[in-house]
């Protein structure tokens, strides 16, 4: 999952049209799977992975790691995620923001995820 998060962040950072979405935002998203918990932290245009998060997140996405990775890869839409077994806990406005961010962060070239090794699907 961490590799998927890293690629997702790279995709977001390389696009100008996503930069305006991150400005003046302060948000922490907890991704929780059966194997690992990892946070994405957005603050004033910067998006980073935070492994040791203190406090309560603004949004929590929990479920099977493969489903979280599908969400990050753009293969699964956030609104479809709850029907597939992911749990999304967040206020409605944050869910709408995340839906936009995941859609716009989807790689233009899906082969970008070929960089992820089968051994490192975490």
PDB file of N, CA and C in Angstrom:
ATOM      1  N   UNK A   1       0.820  -1.190   0.000  1.00  0.00           N
ATOM      2  CA  UNK A   1       0.000   0.000   0.000  1.00  0.00           C
ATOM      3  C   UNK A   1       0.870   1.262   0.000  1.00  0.00           C
ATOM      4  N   UNK A   2       1.981   1.212   0.689  1.00  0.00           N
ATOM      5  CA  UNK A   2       2.845   2.393   0.759  1.00  0.00           C
ATOM      6  C   UNK A   2       3.352   2.797  -0.624  1.00  0.00           C
ATOM      7  N   UNK A   3       3.669   1.811  -1.458  1.00  0.00           N
ATOM      8  CA  UNK A   3       4.122   2.126  -2.817  1.00  0.00           C
ATOM      9  C   UNK A   3       3.003   2.783  -3.619  1.00  0.00           C
ATOM     10  N   UNK A   4       1.778   2.308  -3.448  1.00  0.00           N
ATOM     11  CA  UNK A   4       0.640   2.920  -4.133  1.00  0.00           C
ATOM     12  C   UNK A   4       0.435   4.359  -3.654  1.00  0.00           C
ATOM     13  N   UNK A   5       0.582   4.585  -2.363  1.00  0.00           N
ATOM     14  CA  UNK A   5       0.459   5.940  -1.833  1.00  0.00           C
ATOM     15  C   UNK A   5       1.554   6.852  -2.388  1.00  0.00           C
ATOM     16  N   UNK A   6       2.768   6.333  -2.477  1.00  0.00           N
ATOM     17  CA  UNK A   6       3.889   7.110  -3.012  1.00  0.00           C
ATOM     18  C   UNK A   6       3.632   7.508  -4.462  1.00  0.00           C
ATOM     19  N   UNK A   7       3.189   6.575  -5.265  1.00  0.00           N
ATOM     20  CA  UNK A   7       2.895   6.874  -6.674  1.00  0.00           C
ATOM     21  C   UNK A   7       1.734   7.851  -6.783  1.00  0.00           C
ATOM     22  N   UNK A   8       0.709   7.661  -5.946  1.00  0.00           N
ATOM     23  CA  UNK A   8      -0.427   8.582  -5.933  1.00  0.00           C
ATOM     24  C   UNK A   8       0.046  10.003  -5.629  1.00  0.00           C
ATOM     25  N   UNK A   9       0.907  10.153  -4.635  1.00  0.00           N
ATOM     26  CA  UNK A   9       1.447  11.470  -4.279  1.00  0.00           C
ATOM     27  C   UNK A   9       2.249  12.052  -5.437  1.00  0.00           C
ATOM     28  N   UNK A  10       3.070  11.239  -6.086  1.00  0.00           N
ATOM     29  CA  UNK A  10       3.839  11.705  -7.246  1.00  0.00           C
ATOM     30  C   UNK A  10       2.911  12.232  -8.338  1.00  0.00           C
ATOM     31  N   UNK A  11       1.838  11.495  -8.588  1.00  0.00           N
ATOM     32  CA  UNK A  11       0.878  11.901  -9.624  1.00  0.00           C
ATOM     33  C   UNK A  11       0.215  13.233  -9.251  1.00  0.00           C
ATOM     34  N   UNK A  12      -0.161  13.383  -8.004  1.00  0.00           N
ATOM     35  CA  UNK A  12      -0.800  14.622  -7.546  1.00  0.00           C
ATOM     36  C   UNK A  12       0.172  15.797  -7.675  1.00  0.00           C
ATOM     37  N   UNK A  13       1.409  15.601  -7.274  1.00  0.00           N
ATOM     38  CA  UNK A  13       2.401  16.678  -7.291  1.00  0.00           C
ATOM     39  C   UNK A  13       2.768  17.126  -8.699  1.00  0.00           C
ATOM     40  N   UNK A  14       2.677  16.227  -9.684  1.00  0.00           N
ATOM     41  CA  UNK A  14       3.107  16.572 -11.040  1.00  0.00           C
ATOM     42  C   UNK A  14       2.023  17.276 -11.848  1.00  0.00           C
ATOM     43  N   UNK A  15       0.848  17.445 -11.292  1.00  0.00           N
ATOM     44  CA  UNK A  15      -0.256  18.054 -12.045  1.00  0.00           C
ATOM     45  C   UNK A  15      -0.625  19.410 -11.455  1.00  0.00           C
ATOM     46  N   UNK A  16      -0.619  20.404 -12.294  1.00  0.00           N
ATOM     47  CA  UNK A  16      -0.941  21.753 -11.837  1.00  0.00           C
ATOM     48  C   UNK A  16      -2.384  21.863 -11.373  1.00  0.00           C
ATOM     49  N   UNK A  17      -3.282  21.169 -12.058  1.00  0.00           N
ATOM     50  CA  UNK A  17      -4.701  21.311 -11.721  1.00  0.00           C
ATOM     51  C   UNK A  17      -5.054  20.693 -10.368  1.00  0.00           C
ATOM     52  N   UNK A  18      -4.178  19.870  -9.813  1.00  0.00           N
ATOM     53  CA  UNK A  18      -4.449  19.345  -8.472  1.00  0.00           C
ATOM     54  C   UNK A  18      -3.845  20.229  -7.390  1.00  0.00           C
ATOM     55  N   UNK A  19      -2.868  21.032  -7.753  1.00  0.00           N
ATOM     56  CA  UNK A  19      -2.219  21.908  -6.771  1.00  0.00           C
ATOM     57  C   UNK A  19      -3.229  22.867  -6.140  1.00  0.00           C
ATOM     58  N   UNK A  20      -4.144  23.387  -6.942  1.00  0.00           N
ATOM     59  CA  UNK A  20      -5.127  24.324  -6.397  1.00  0.00           C
ATOM     60  C   UNK A  20      -6.076  23.646  -5.409  1.00  0.00           C
ATOM     61  N   UNK A  21      -6.292  22.359  -5.562  1.00  0.00           N
ATOM     62  CA  UNK A  21      -7.143  21.632  -4.611  1.00  0.00           C
ATOM     63  C   UNK A  21      -6.500  21.521  -3.230  1.00  0.00           C
ATOM     64  N   UNK A  22      -5.176  21.456  -3.199  1.00  0.00           N
ATOM     65  CA  UNK A  22      -4.462  21.248  -1.944  1.00  0.00           C
ATOM     66  C   UNK A  22      -4.160  22.533  -1.185  1.00  0.00           C
ATOM     67  N   UNK A  23      -4.247  23.667  -1.880  1.00  0.00           N
ATOM     68  CA  UNK A  23      -3.956  24.943  -1.231  1.00  0.00           C
ATOM     69  C   UNK A  23      -4.962  25.201  -0.116  1.00  0.00           C
ATOM     70  N   UNK A  24      -4.469  25.727   0.976  1.00  0.00           N
ATOM     71  CA  UNK A  24      -5.297  26.090   2.125  1.00  0.00           C
ATOM     72  C   UNK A  24      -6.082  24.914   2.706  1.00  0.00           C
ATOM     73  N   UNK A  25      -5.612  23.701   2.477  1.00  0.00           N
ATOM     74  CA  UNK A  25      -6.238  22.508   3.054  1.00  0.00           C
ATOM     75  C   UNK A  25      -5.372  21.987   4.176  1.00  0.00           C
ATOM     76  N   UNK A  26      -6.008  21.499   5.194  1.00  0.00           N
ATOM     77  CA  UNK A  26      -5.318  20.788   6.253  1.00  0.00           C
ATOM     78  C   UNK A  26      -6.169  19.566   6.558  1.00  0.00           C
ATOM     79  N   UNK A  27      -5.622  18.402   6.239  1.00  0.00           N
ATOM     80  CA  UNK A  27      -6.429  17.187   6.272  1.00  0.00           C
ATOM     81  C   UNK A  27      -5.531  15.980   6.497  1.00  0.00           C
ATOM     82  N   UNK A  28      -5.981  15.058   7.323  1.00  0.00           N
ATOM     83  CA  UNK A  28      -5.269  13.803   7.524  1.00  0.00           C
ATOM     84  C   UNK A  28      -6.213  12.661   7.194  1.00  0.00           C
ATOM     85  N   UNK A  29      -5.751  11.761   6.331  1.00  0.00           N
ATOM     86  CA  UNK A  29      -6.540  10.605   5.895  1.00  0.00           C
ATOM     87  C   UNK A  29      -5.837   9.349   6.375  1.00  0.00           C
ATOM     88  N   UNK A  30      -6.529   8.534   7.146  1.00  0.00           N
ATOM     89  CA  UNK A  30      -5.987   7.274   7.631  1.00  0.00           C
ATOM     90  C   UNK A  30      -6.449   6.150   6.708  1.00  0.00           C
ATOM     91  N   UNK A  31      -5.493   5.409   6.167  1.00  0.00           N
ATOM     92  CA  UNK A  31      -5.768   4.211   5.384  1.00  0.00           C
ATOM     93  C   UNK A  31      -5.448   3.028   6.288  1.00  0.00           C
ATOM     94  N   UNK A  32      -6.439   2.231   6.584  1.00  0.00           N
ATOM     95  CA  UNK A  32      -6.263   1.129   7.518  1.00  0.00           C
ATOM     96  C   UNK A  32      -6.626  -0.184   6.840  1.00  0.00           C
ATOM     97  N   UNK A  33      -5.644  -1.075   6.749  1.00  0.00           N
ATOM     98  CA  UNK A  33      -5.887  -2.397   6.164  1.00  0.00           C
ATOM     99  C   UNK A  33      -5.582  -3.456   7.209  1.00  0.00           C
ATOM    100  N   UNK A  34      -5.738  -4.702   6.807  1.00  0.00           N
ATOM    101  CA  UNK A  34      -5.454  -5.808   7.719  1.00  0.00           C
ATOM    102  C   UNK A  34      -3.972  -5.895   8.060  1.00  0.00           C
ATOM    103  N   UNK A  35      -3.124  -5.279   7.234  1.00  0.00           N
ATOM    104  CA  UNK A  35      -1.675  -5.371   7.426  1.00  0.00           C
ATOM    105  C   UNK A  35      -1.050  -4.126   8.038  1.00  0.00           C
ATOM    106  N   UNK A  36      -1.551  -2.958   7.668  1.00  0.00           N
ATOM    107  CA  UNK A  36      -0.843  -1.719   8.027  1.00  0.00           C
ATOM    108  C   UNK A  36      -1.827  -0.548   8.109  1.00  0.00           C
ATOM    109  N   UNK A  37      -1.481   0.408   8.945  1.00  0.00           N
ATOM    110  CA  UNK A  37      -2.178   1.694   8.994  1.00  0.00           C
ATOM    111  C   UNK A  37      -1.196   2.765   8.540  1.00  0.00           C
ATOM    112  N   UNK A  38      -1.622   3.587   7.589  1.00  0.00           N
ATOM    113  CA  UNK A  38      -0.775   4.655   7.067  1.00  0.00           C
ATOM    114  C   UNK A  38      -1.642   5.889   6.860  1.00  0.00           C
ATOM    115  N   UNK A  39      -1.063   7.043   7.105  1.00  0.00           N
ATOM    116  CA  UNK A  39      -1.793   8.301   6.938  1.00  0.00           C
ATOM    117  C   UNK A  39      -1.206   9.117   5.800  1.00  0.00           C
ATOM    118  N   UNK A  40      -2.085   9.809   5.113  1.00  0.00           N
ATOM    119  CA  UNK A  40      -1.693  10.869   4.187  1.00  0.00           C
ATOM    120  C   UNK A  40      -2.024  12.169   4.888  1.00  0.00           C
ATOM    121  N   UNK A  41      -1.076  13.073   4.888  1.00  0.00           N
ATOM    122  CA  UNK A  41      -1.316  14.367   5.520  1.00  0.00           C
ATOM    123  C   UNK A  41      -1.195  15.452   4.454  1.00  0.00           C
ATOM    124  N   UNK A  42      -2.216  16.271   4.371  1.00  0.00           N
ATOM    125  CA  UNK A  42      -2.244  17.396   3.439  1.00  0.00           C
ATOM    126  C   UNK A  42      -2.237  18.668   4.274  1.00  0.00           C
ATOM    127  N   UNK A  43      -1.298  19.549   3.953  1.00  0.00           N
ATOM    128  CA  UNK A  43      -1.227  20.814   4.677  1.00  0.00           C
ATOM    129  C   UNK A  43      -0.673  21.898   3.757  1.00  0.00           C
ATOM    130  N   UNK A  44      -1.503  22.886   3.470  1.00  0.00           N
ATOM    131  CA  UNK A  44      -1.109  24.058   2.666  1.00  0.00           C
ATOM    132  C   UNK A  44      -0.378  23.689   1.381  1.00  0.00           C
ATOM    133  N   UNK A  45      -0.954  22.795   0.613  1.00  0.00           N
ATOM    134  CA  UNK A  45      -0.393  22.444  -0.683  1.00  0.00           C
ATOM    135  C   UNK A  45       0.618  21.322  -0.678  1.00  0.00           C
ATOM    136  N   UNK A  46       0.962  20.802   0.488  1.00  0.00           N
ATOM    137  CA  UNK A  46       1.932  19.718   0.601  1.00  0.00           C
ATOM    138  C   UNK A  46       1.191  18.444   1.002  1.00  0.00           C
ATOM    139  N   UNK A  47       1.531  17.340   0.349  1.00  0.00           N
ATOM    140  CA  UNK A  47       0.923  16.053   0.668  1.00  0.00           C
ATOM    141  C   UNK A  47       2.052  15.058   0.945  1.00  0.00           C
ATOM    142  N   UNK A  48       1.992  14.420   2.119  1.00  0.00           N
ATOM    143  CA  UNK A  48       3.052  13.492   2.530  1.00  0.00           C
ATOM    144  C   UNK A  48       2.452  12.265   3.211  1.00  0.00           C
ATOM    145  N   UNK A  49       3.253  11.205   3.262  1.00  0.00           N
ATOM    146  CA  UNK A  49       2.889  10.000   4.005  1.00  0.00           C
ATOM    147  C   UNK A  49       3.400  10.163   5.433  1.00  0.00           C
ATOM    148  N   UNK A  50       2.539   9.850   6.389  1.00  0.00           N
ATOM    149  CA  UNK A  50       2.902   9.902   7.796  1.00  0.00           C
ATOM    150  C   UNK A  50       2.637   8.524   8.384  1.00  0.00           C
ATOM    151  N   UNK A  51       3.676   7.878   8.868  1.00  0.00           N
ATOM    152  CA  UNK A  51       3.518   6.521   9.395  1.00  0.00           C
ATOM    153  C   UNK A  51       3.018   6.510  10.833  1.00  0.00           C
ATOM    154  N   UNK A  52       3.484   7.452  11.634  1.00  0.00           N
ATOM    155  CA  UNK A  52       3.089   7.505  13.037  1.00  0.00           C
ATOM    156  C   UNK A  52       2.224   8.729  13.261  1.00  0.00           C
ATOM    157  N   UNK A  53       0.932   8.560  13.084  1.00  0.00           N
ATOM    158  CA  UNK A  53       0.007   9.677  13.225  1.00  0.00           C
ATOM    159  C   UNK A  53      -0.490   9.759  14.665  1.00  0.00           C
ATOM    160  N   UNK A  54      -0.455  10.956  15.201  1.00  0.00           N
ATOM    161  CA  UNK A  54      -0.973  11.197  16.541  1.00  0.00           C
ATOM    162  C   UNK A  54      -2.245  12.023  16.401  1.00  0.00           C
ATOM    163  N   UNK A  55      -3.276  11.622  17.086  1.00  0.00           N
ATOM    164  CA  UNK A  55      -4.539  12.345  17.016  1.00  0.00           C
ATOM    165  C   UNK A  55      -5.538  11.613  16.155  1.00  0.00           C
ATOM    166  N   UNK A  56      -6.680  12.228  15.971  1.00  0.00           N
ATOM    167  CA  UNK A  56      -7.718  11.582  15.167  1.00  0.00           C
ATOM    168  C   UNK A  56      -7.681  12.121  13.740  1.00  0.00           C
ATOM    169  N   UNK A  57      -7.822  11.225  12.766  1.00  0.00           N
ATOM    170  CA  UNK A  57      -7.792  11.662  11.362  1.00  0.00           C
ATOM    171  C   UNK A  57      -9.090  12.359  10.982  1.00  0.00           C
ATOM    172  N   UNK A  58      -9.036  13.144   9.920  1.00  0.00           N
ATOM    173  CA  UNK A  58     -10.232  13.795   9.387  1.00  0.00           C
ATOM    174  C   UNK A  58     -11.073  12.827   8.581  1.00  0.00           C
ATOM    175  N   UNK A  59     -10.414  11.791   8.060  1.00  0.00           N
ATOM    176  CA  UNK A  59     -11.097  10.762   7.277  1.00  0.00           C
ATOM    177  C   UNK A  59     -10.406   9.423   7.505  1.00  0.00           C
ATOM    178  N   UNK A  60     -11.198   8.363   7.483  1.00  0.00           N
ATOM    179  CA  UNK A  60     -10.640   7.016   7.634  1.00  0.00           C
ATOM    180  C   UNK A  60     -11.214   6.126   6.538  1.00  0.00           C
ATOM    181  N   UNK A  61     -10.300   5.473   5.825  1.00  0.00           N
ATOM    182  CA  UNK A  61     -10.682   4.506   4.793  1.00  0.00           C
ATOM    183  C   UNK A  61     -10.092   3.179   5.233  1.00  0.00           C
ATOM    184  N   UNK A  62     -10.961   2.215   5.507  1.00  0.00           N
ATOM    185  CA  UNK A  62     -10.516   0.938   6.060  1.00  0.00           C
ATOM    186  C   UNK A  62     -11.071  -0.217   5.242  1.00  0.00           C
ATOM    187  N   UNK A  63     -10.271  -1.275   5.158  1.00  0.00           N
ATOM    188  CA  UNK A  63     -10.698  -2.474   4.448  1.00  0.00           C
ATOM    189  C   UNK A  63      -9.508  -3.262   3.952  1.00  0.00           C
ATOM    190  N   UNK A  64      -9.783  -4.155   3.016  1.00  0.00           N
ATOM    191  CA  UNK A  64      -8.718  -4.984   2.457  1.00  0.00           C
ATOM    192  C   UNK A  64      -7.700  -4.120   1.716  1.00  0.00           C
ATOM    193  N   UNK A  65      -6.448  -4.493   1.883  1.00  0.00           N
ATOM    194  CA  UNK A  65      -5.368  -3.723   1.266  1.00  0.00           C
ATOM    195  C   UNK A  65      -5.519  -3.654  -0.253  1.00  0.00           C
ATOM    196  N   UNK A  66      -5.919  -4.732  -0.878  1.00  0.00           N
ATOM    197  CA  UNK A  66      -6.050  -4.737  -2.337  1.00  0.00           C
ATOM    198  C   UNK A  66      -7.120  -3.743  -2.805  1.00  0.00           C
ATOM    199  N   UNK A  67      -8.171  -3.555  -2.009  1.00  0.00           N
ATOM    200  CA  UNK A  67      -9.213  -2.588  -2.373  1.00  0.00           C
ATOM    201  C   UNK A  67      -8.720  -1.154  -2.197  1.00  0.00           C
ATOM    202  N   UNK A  68      -7.954  -0.923  -1.138  1.00  0.00           N
ATOM    203  CA  UNK A  68      -7.375   0.412  -0.939  1.00  0.00           C
ATOM    204  C   UNK A  68      -6.413   0.732  -2.078  1.00  0.00           C
ATOM    205  N   UNK A  69      -5.618  -0.239  -2.470  1.00  0.00           N
ATOM    206  CA  UNK A  69      -4.678  -0.038  -3.585  1.00  0.00           C
ATOM    207  C   UNK A  69      -5.426   0.214  -4.888  1.00  0.00           C
ATOM    208  N   UNK A  70      -6.557  -0.469  -5.102  1.00  0.00           N
ATOM    209  CA  UNK A  70      -7.382  -0.232  -6.293  1.00  0.00           C
ATOM    210  C   UNK A  70      -7.936   1.189  -6.300  1.00  0.00           C
ATOM    211  N   UNK A  71      -8.296   1.675  -5.128  1.00  0.00           N
ATOM    212  CA  UNK A  71      -8.779   3.050  -5.004  1.00  0.00           C
ATOM    213  C   UNK A  71      -7.678   4.038  -5.373  1.00  0.00           C
ATOM    214  N   UNK A  72      -6.488   3.812  -4.847  1.00  0.00           N
ATOM    215  CA  UNK A  72      -5.359   4.705  -5.122  1.00  0.00           C
ATOM    216  C   UNK A  72      -4.913   4.646  -6.577  1.00  0.00           C
ATOM    217  N   UNK A  73      -5.097   3.496  -7.205  1.00  0.00           N
ATOM    218  CA  UNK A  73      -4.702   3.331  -8.611  1.00  0.00           C
ATOM    219  C   UNK A  73      -5.760   3.857  -9.574  1.00  0.00           C
ATOM    220  N   UNK A  74      -6.899   4.264  -9.042  1.00  0.00           N
ATOM    221  CA  UNK A  74      -7.960   4.783  -9.893  1.00  0.00           C
ATOM    222  C   UNK A  74      -8.828   3.715 -10.509  1.00  0.00           C
ATOM    223  N   UNK A  75      -8.674   2.488 -10.086  1.00  0.00           N
ATOM    224  CA  UNK A  75      -9.475   1.387 -10.614  1.00  0.00           C
ATOM    225  C   UNK A  75     -10.845   1.305  -9.934  1.00  0.00           C
ATOM    226  N   UNK A  76     -10.944   1.875  -8.749  1.00  0.00           N
ATOM    227  CA  UNK A  76     -12.169   1.842  -7.953  1.00  0.00           C
ATOM    228  C   UNK A  76     -12.504   3.269  -7.551  1.00  0.00           C
ATOM    229  N   UNK A  77     -13.744   3.668  -7.759  1.00  0.00           N
ATOM    230  CA  UNK A  77     -14.173   5.009  -7.359  1.00  0.00           C
ATOM    231  C   UNK A  77     -14.562   4.985  -5.884  1.00  0.00           C
ATOM    232  N   UNK A  78     -14.341   6.090  -5.228  1.00  0.00           N
ATOM    233  CA  UNK A  78     -14.619   6.169  -3.801  1.00  0.00           C
ATOM    234  C   UNK A  78     -16.088   5.875  -3.509  1.00  0.00           C
ATOM    235  N   UNK A  79     -17.000   6.386  -4.339  1.00  0.00           N
ATOM    236  CA  UNK A  79     -18.426   6.157  -4.077  1.00  0.00           C
ATOM    237  C   UNK A  79     -18.820   4.694  -4.244  1.00  0.00           C
ATOM    238  N   UNK A  80     -18.023   3.929  -4.994  1.00  0.00           N
ATOM    239  CA  UNK A  80     -18.289   2.496  -5.165  1.00  0.00           C
ATOM    240  C   UNK A  80     -17.609   1.663  -4.073  1.00  0.00           C
ATOM    241  N   UNK A  81     -16.723   2.287  -3.345  1.00  0.00           N
ATOM    242  CA  UNK A  81     -15.878   1.564  -2.401  1.00  0.00           C
ATOM    243  C   UNK A  81     -16.659   0.895  -1.277  1.00  0.00           C
ATOM    244  N   UNK A  82     -17.663   1.562  -0.745  1.00  0.00           N
ATOM    245  CA  UNK A  82     -18.410   0.963   0.369  1.00  0.00           C
ATOM    246  C   UNK A  82     -19.169  -0.278  -0.067  1.00  0.00           C
ATOM    247  N   UNK A  83     -19.573  -0.331  -1.320  1.00  0.00           N
ATOM    248  CA  UNK A  83     -20.273  -1.513  -1.828  1.00  0.00           C
ATOM    249  C   UNK A  83     -19.325  -2.697  -2.016  1.00  0.00           C
ATOM    250  N   UNK A  84     -18.028  -2.413  -2.105  1.00  0.00           N
ATOM    251  CA  UNK A  84     -17.049  -3.482  -2.306  1.00  0.00           C
ATOM    252  C   UNK A  84     -16.373  -3.917  -1.018  1.00  0.00           C
ATOM    253  N   UNK A  85     -16.716  -3.264   0.089  1.00  0.00           N
ATOM    254  CA  UNK A  85     -16.156  -3.691   1.362  1.00  0.00           C
ATOM    255  C   UNK A  85     -15.268  -2.690   2.055  1.00  0.00           C
ATOM    256  N   UNK A  86     -15.052  -1.522   1.461  1.00  0.00           N
ATOM    257  CA  UNK A  86     -14.272  -0.487   2.142  1.00  0.00           C
ATOM    258  C   UNK A  86     -15.199   0.341   3.022  1.00  0.00           C
ATOM    259  N   UNK A  87     -14.686   0.738   4.153  1.00  0.00           N
ATOM    260  CA  UNK A  87     -15.428   1.598   5.058  1.00  0.00           C
ATOM    261  C   UNK A  87     -14.828   3.002   4.959  1.00  0.00           C
ATOM    262  N   UNK A  88     -15.688   3.991   4.735  1.00  0.00           N
ATOM    263  CA  UNK A  88     -15.239   5.367   4.638  1.00  0.00           C
ATOM    264  C   UNK A  88     -15.946   6.165   5.728  1.00  0.00           C
ATOM    265  N   UNK A  89     -15.152   6.708   6.633  1.00  0.00           N
ATOM    266  CA  UNK A  89     -15.706   7.504   7.719  1.00  0.00           C
ATOM    267  C   UNK A  89     -15.131   8.908   7.583  1.00  0.00           C
ATOM    268  N   UNK A  90     -16.010   9.845   7.225  1.00  0.00           N
ATOM    269  CA  UNK A  90     -15.599  11.241   7.045  1.00  0.00           C
ATOM    270  C   UNK A  90     -16.854  12.074   6.830  1.00  0.00           C
ATOM    271  N   UNK A  91     -16.762  13.368   7.115  1.00  0.00           N
ATOM    272  CA  UNK A  91     -17.878  14.250   6.766  1.00  0.00           C
ATOM    273  C   UNK A  91     -18.075  14.275   5.249  1.00  0.00           C
ATOM    274  N   UNK A  92     -19.287  14.588   4.831  1.00  0.00           N
ATOM    275  CA  UNK A  92     -19.645  14.542   3.416  1.00  0.00           C
ATOM    276  C   UNK A  92     -18.740  15.420   2.553  1.00  0.00           C
ATOM    277  N   UNK A  93     -18.398  16.604   3.008  1.00  0.00           N
ATOM    278  CA  UNK A  93     -17.536  17.503   2.216  1.00  0.00           C
ATOM    279  C   UNK A  93     -16.149  16.911   2.007  1.00  0.00           C
ATOM    280  N   UNK A  94     -15.638  16.245   3.012  1.00  0.00           N
ATOM    281  CA  UNK A  94     -14.321  15.611   2.871  1.00  0.00           C
ATOM    282  C   UNK A  94     -14.408  14.439   1.906  1.00  0.00           C
ATOM    283  N   UNK A  95     -15.497  13.685   1.961  1.00  0.00           N
ATOM    284  CA  UNK A  95     -15.680  12.580   1.013  1.00  0.00           C
ATOM    285  C   UNK A  95     -15.708  13.117  -0.419  1.00  0.00           C
ATOM    286  N   UNK A  96     -16.404  14.221  -0.647  1.00  0.00           N
ATOM    287  CA  UNK A  96     -16.437  14.824  -1.990  1.00  0.00           C
ATOM    288  C   UNK A  96     -15.049  15.282  -2.422  1.00  0.00           C
ATOM    289  N   UNK A  97     -14.306  15.887  -1.500  1.00  0.00           N
ATOM    290  CA  UNK A  97     -12.942  16.311  -1.801  1.00  0.00           C
ATOM    291  C   UNK A  97     -12.073  15.107  -2.165  1.00  0.00           C
ATOM    292  N   UNK A  98     -12.154  14.042  -1.377  1.00  0.00           N
ATOM    293  CA  UNK A  98     -11.351  12.845  -1.644  1.00  0.00           C
ATOM    294  C   UNK A  98     -11.724  12.198  -2.970  1.00  0.00           C
ATOM    295  N   UNK A  99     -13.012  12.175  -3.274  1.00  0.00           N
ATOM    296  CA  UNK A  99     -13.466  11.635  -4.564  1.00  0.00           C
ATOM    297  C   UNK A  99     -12.795  12.393  -5.704  1.00  0.00           C
ATOM    298  N   UNK A 100     -12.759  13.709  -5.613  1.00  0.00           N
ATOM    299  CA  UNK A 100     -12.102  14.527  -6.641  1.00  0.00           C
ATOM    300  C   UNK A 100     -10.608  14.261  -6.687  1.00  0.00           C
ATOM    301  N   UNK A 101      -9.991  14.206  -5.529  1.00  0.00           N
ATOM    302  CA  UNK A 101      -8.545  14.003  -5.466  1.00  0.00           C
ATOM    303  C   UNK A 101      -8.148  12.645  -6.042  1.00  0.00           C
ATOM    304  N   UNK A 102      -8.874  11.588  -5.684  1.00  0.00           N
ATOM    305  CA  UNK A 102      -8.552  10.258  -6.214  1.00  0.00           C
ATOM    306  C   UNK A 102      -8.782  10.193  -7.723  1.00  0.00           C
ATOM    307  N   UNK A 103      -9.829  10.859  -8.197  1.00  0.00           N
ATOM    308  CA  UNK A 103     -10.098  10.862  -9.633  1.00  0.00           C
ATOM    309  C   UNK A 103      -9.008  11.617 -10.388  1.00  0.00           C
ATOM    310  N   UNK A 104      -8.635  12.791  -9.886  1.00  0.00           N
ATOM    311  CA  UNK A 104      -7.627  13.596 -10.562  1.00  0.00           C
ATOM    312  C   UNK A 104      -6.214  13.048 -10.380  1.00  0.00           C
ATOM    313  N   UNK A 105      -6.004  12.242  -9.350  1.00  0.00           N
ATOM    314  CA  UNK A 105      -4.695  11.635  -9.110  1.00  0.00           C
ATOM    315  C   UNK A 105      -4.495  10.326  -9.828  1.00  0.00           C
ATOM    316  N   UNK A 106      -5.536   9.888 -10.520  1.00  0.00           N
ATOM    317  CA  UNK A 106      -5.455   8.644 -11.288  1.00  0.00           C
ATOM    318  C   UNK A 106      -4.384   8.789 -12.365  1.00  0.00           C
ATOM    319  N   UNK A 107      -3.508   7.795 -12.496  1.00  0.00           N
ATOM    320  CA  UNK A 107      -2.450   7.921 -13.511  1.00  0.00           C
ATOM    321  C   UNK A 107      -3.020   7.942 -14.930  1.00  0.00           C
ATOM    322  N   UNK A 108      -2.490   8.851 -15.736  1.00  0.00           N
ATOM    323  CA  UNK A 108      -2.897   8.892 -17.142  1.00  0.00           C
ATOM    324  C   UNK A 108      -2.470   7.614 -17.839  1.00  0.00           C
ATOM    325  N   UNK A 109      -1.343   7.082 -17.416  1.00  0.00           N
ATOM    326  CA  UNK A 109      -0.799   5.864 -17.997  1.00  0.00           C
ATOM    327  C   UNK A 109      -0.838   4.771 -16.932  1.00  0.00           C
ATOM    328  N   UNK A 110      -1.821   3.870 -16.974  1.00  0.00           N
ATOM    329  CA  UNK A 110      -1.960   2.849 -15.939  1.00  0.00           C
ATOM    330  C   UNK A 110      -0.738   1.955 -15.761  1.00  0.00           C
ATOM    331  N   UNK A 111       0.153   1.913 -16.747  1.00  0.00           N
ATOM    332  CA  UNK A 111       1.346   1.066 -16.612  1.00  0.00           C
ATOM    333  C   UNK A 111       2.309   1.613 -15.570  1.00  0.00           C
ATOM    334  N   UNK A 112       2.037   2.845 -15.072  1.00  0.00           N
ATOM    335  CA  UNK A 112       2.893   3.409 -14.031  1.00  0.00           C
ATOM    336  C   UNK A 112       2.916   2.481 -12.815  1.00  0.00           C
ATOM    337  N   UNK A 113       1.845   1.748 -12.602  1.00  0.00           N
ATOM    338  CA  UNK A 113       1.792   0.842 -11.462  1.00  0.00           C
ATOM    339  C   UNK A 113       2.568  -0.445 -11.707  1.00  0.00           C
ATOM    340  N   UNK A 114       3.103  -0.609 -12.907  1.00  0.00           N
ATOM    341  CA  UNK A 114       3.993  -1.730 -13.188  1.00  0.00           C
ATOM    342  C   UNK A 114       5.299  -1.615 -12.427  1.00  0.00           C
ATOM    343  N   UNK A 115       5.572  -0.422 -11.876  1.00  0.00           N
ATOM    344  CA  UNK A 115       6.789  -0.216 -11.087  1.00  0.00           C
ATOM    345  C   UNK A 115       6.697  -0.884  -9.720  1.00  0.00           C
ATOM    346  N   UNK A 116       5.508  -1.305  -9.349  1.00  0.00           N
ATOM    347  CA  UNK A 116       5.329  -1.916  -8.035  1.00  0.00           C
ATOM    348  C   UNK A 116       5.586  -3.403  -8.151  1.00  0.00           C
ATOM    349  N   UNK A 117       6.488  -3.871  -7.323  1.00  0.00           N
ATOM    350  CA  UNK A 117       6.824  -5.297  -7.356  1.00  0.00           C
ATOM    351  C   UNK A 117       5.735  -6.104  -6.659  1.00  0.00           C
ATOM    352  N   UNK A 118       5.537  -7.339  -7.085  1.00  0.00           N
ATOM    353  CA  UNK A 118       4.560  -8.219  -6.454  1.00  0.00           C
ATOM    354  C   UNK A 118       4.920  -8.493  -5.013  1.00  0.00           C
ATOM    355  N   UNK A 119       6.205  -8.518  -4.714  1.00  0.00           N
ATOM    356  CA  UNK A 119       6.642  -8.777  -3.345  1.00  0.00           C
ATOM    357  C   UNK A 119       6.372  -7.601  -2.442  1.00  0.00           C
ATOM    358  N   UNK A 120       6.235  -6.413  -3.005  1.00  0.00           N
ATOM    359  CA  UNK A 120       6.072  -5.214  -2.191  1.00  0.00           C
ATOM    360  C   UNK A 120       4.692  -4.611  -2.281  1.00  0.00           C
ATOM    361  N   UNK A 121       3.667  -5.394  -2.241  1.00  0.00           N
ATOM    362  CA  UNK A 121       2.298  -4.885  -2.343  1.00  0.00           C
ATOM    363  C   UNK A 121       1.822  -4.235  -1.068  1.00  0.00           C
ATOM    364  N   UNK A 122       2.710  -3.820  -0.233  1.00  0.00           N
ATOM    365  CA  UNK A 122       2.283  -3.164   1.008  1.00  0.00           C
ATOM    366  C   UNK A 122       2.364  -1.675   0.909  1.00  0.00           C
TER     367      UNK A 122
END
